[in-house]
Amino acid sequence: MSKFTTQHRRELPARDFALPEQQAYPVEDKAHARNAKARARQAAEAGRLSKFEERKVDKKADAVLRKD
């Protein structure tokens, strides 16, 4: 998985984020999608993310992971 620079993150379209309104949890490829699911679960368990938001991240990440 490549590291994001601030510039790269700003250039990503909203559709490449699981939570586009927050520009959080990039899911532009399978590696980032797996990472987004893991980080969302950690954030939900710590109380920083609602269960609804966690499910939203999982749904978007799962869609990326199912692609060929």
Protein backbone atom coordinates (compact mmCIF):
# COMPACT_ATOMS: atom_id res chain seq x y z
CA MET A 1 0.00 0.00 0.00
CA SER A 2 1.41 3.35 -0.98
CA LYS A 3 1.55 6.28 1.40
CA PHE A 4 -0.60 9.27 0.66
CA THR A 5 0.86 12.71 0.51
CA THR A 6 -1.35 15.61 1.48
CA GLN A 7 -1.45 16.70 -2.15
CA HIS A 8 -2.46 13.22 -3.36
CA ARG A 9 -5.25 13.02 -0.79
CA ARG A 10 -6.61 16.41 -1.87
CA GLU A 11 -6.64 15.30 -5.50
CA LEU A 12 -8.67 12.15 -4.85
CA PRO A 13 -12.29 12.39 -5.98
CA ALA A 14 -14.98 12.08 -3.30
CA ARG A 15 -16.00 8.66 -4.67
CA ASP A 16 -12.63 7.26 -3.53
CA PHE A 17 -13.50 7.83 0.14
CA ALA A 18 -15.81 5.67 2.23
CA LEU A 19 -16.89 8.81 4.13
CA PRO A 20 -16.60 11.49 1.43
CA GLU A 21 -18.17 14.25 3.52
CA GLN A 22 -15.27 13.90 5.97
CA GLN A 23 -12.73 12.94 3.29
CA ALA A 24 -11.96 9.92 5.45
CA TYR A 25 -11.14 6.26 4.83
CA PRO A 26 -9.80 6.22 1.27
CA VAL A 27 -10.78 3.08 -0.62
CA GLU A 28 -9.19 3.70 -3.99
CA ASP A 29 -7.77 0.17 -4.19
CA LYS A 30 -8.04 -3.17 -2.39
CA ALA A 31 -5.19 -2.49 0.03
CA HIS A 32 -6.73 0.80 1.11
CA ALA A 33 -10.18 -0.82 1.34
CA ARG A 34 -8.89 -3.52 3.72
CA ASN A 35 -7.14 -0.88 5.79
CA ALA A 36 -10.28 1.30 5.88
CA LYS A 37 -12.32 -1.59 7.28
CA ALA A 38 -9.76 -2.26 9.99
CA ARG A 39 -9.40 1.40 10.99
CA ALA A 40 -13.16 1.95 11.00
CA ARG A 41 -13.62 -1.01 13.34
CA GLN A 42 -10.96 0.36 15.70
CA ALA A 43 -12.55 3.83 15.63
CA ALA A 44 -16.01 2.40 16.32
CA GLU A 45 -14.73 0.32 19.24
CA ALA A 46 -13.03 3.42 20.66
CA GLY A 47 -16.21 5.47 20.27
CA ARG A 48 -14.84 7.83 17.60
CA LEU A 49 -17.11 6.47 14.88
CA SER A 50 -20.77 5.51 15.04
CA LYS A 51 -21.91 2.01 14.09
CA PHE A 52 -23.78 3.56 11.15
CA GLU A 53 -20.56 5.15 9.87
CA GLU A 54 -18.67 1.88 10.38
CA ARG A 55 -21.26 0.00 8.30
CA LYS A 56 -21.01 2.70 5.62
CA VAL A 57 -17.23 2.26 5.45
CA ASP A 58 -17.59 -1.54 5.35
CA LYS A 59 -20.14 -1.37 2.53
CA LYS A 60 -18.01 0.92 0.39
CA ALA A 61 -14.83 -1.07 1.10
CA ASP A 62 -16.58 -4.38 0.35
CA ALA A 63 -17.63 -3.02 -3.04
CA VAL A 64 -13.99 -2.27 -3.87
CA LEU A 65 -12.83 -5.66 -2.59
CA ARG A 66 -15.35 -7.49 -4.82
CA LYS A 67 -14.01 -5.87 -7.98
CA ASP A 68 -11.72 -7.94 -10.19
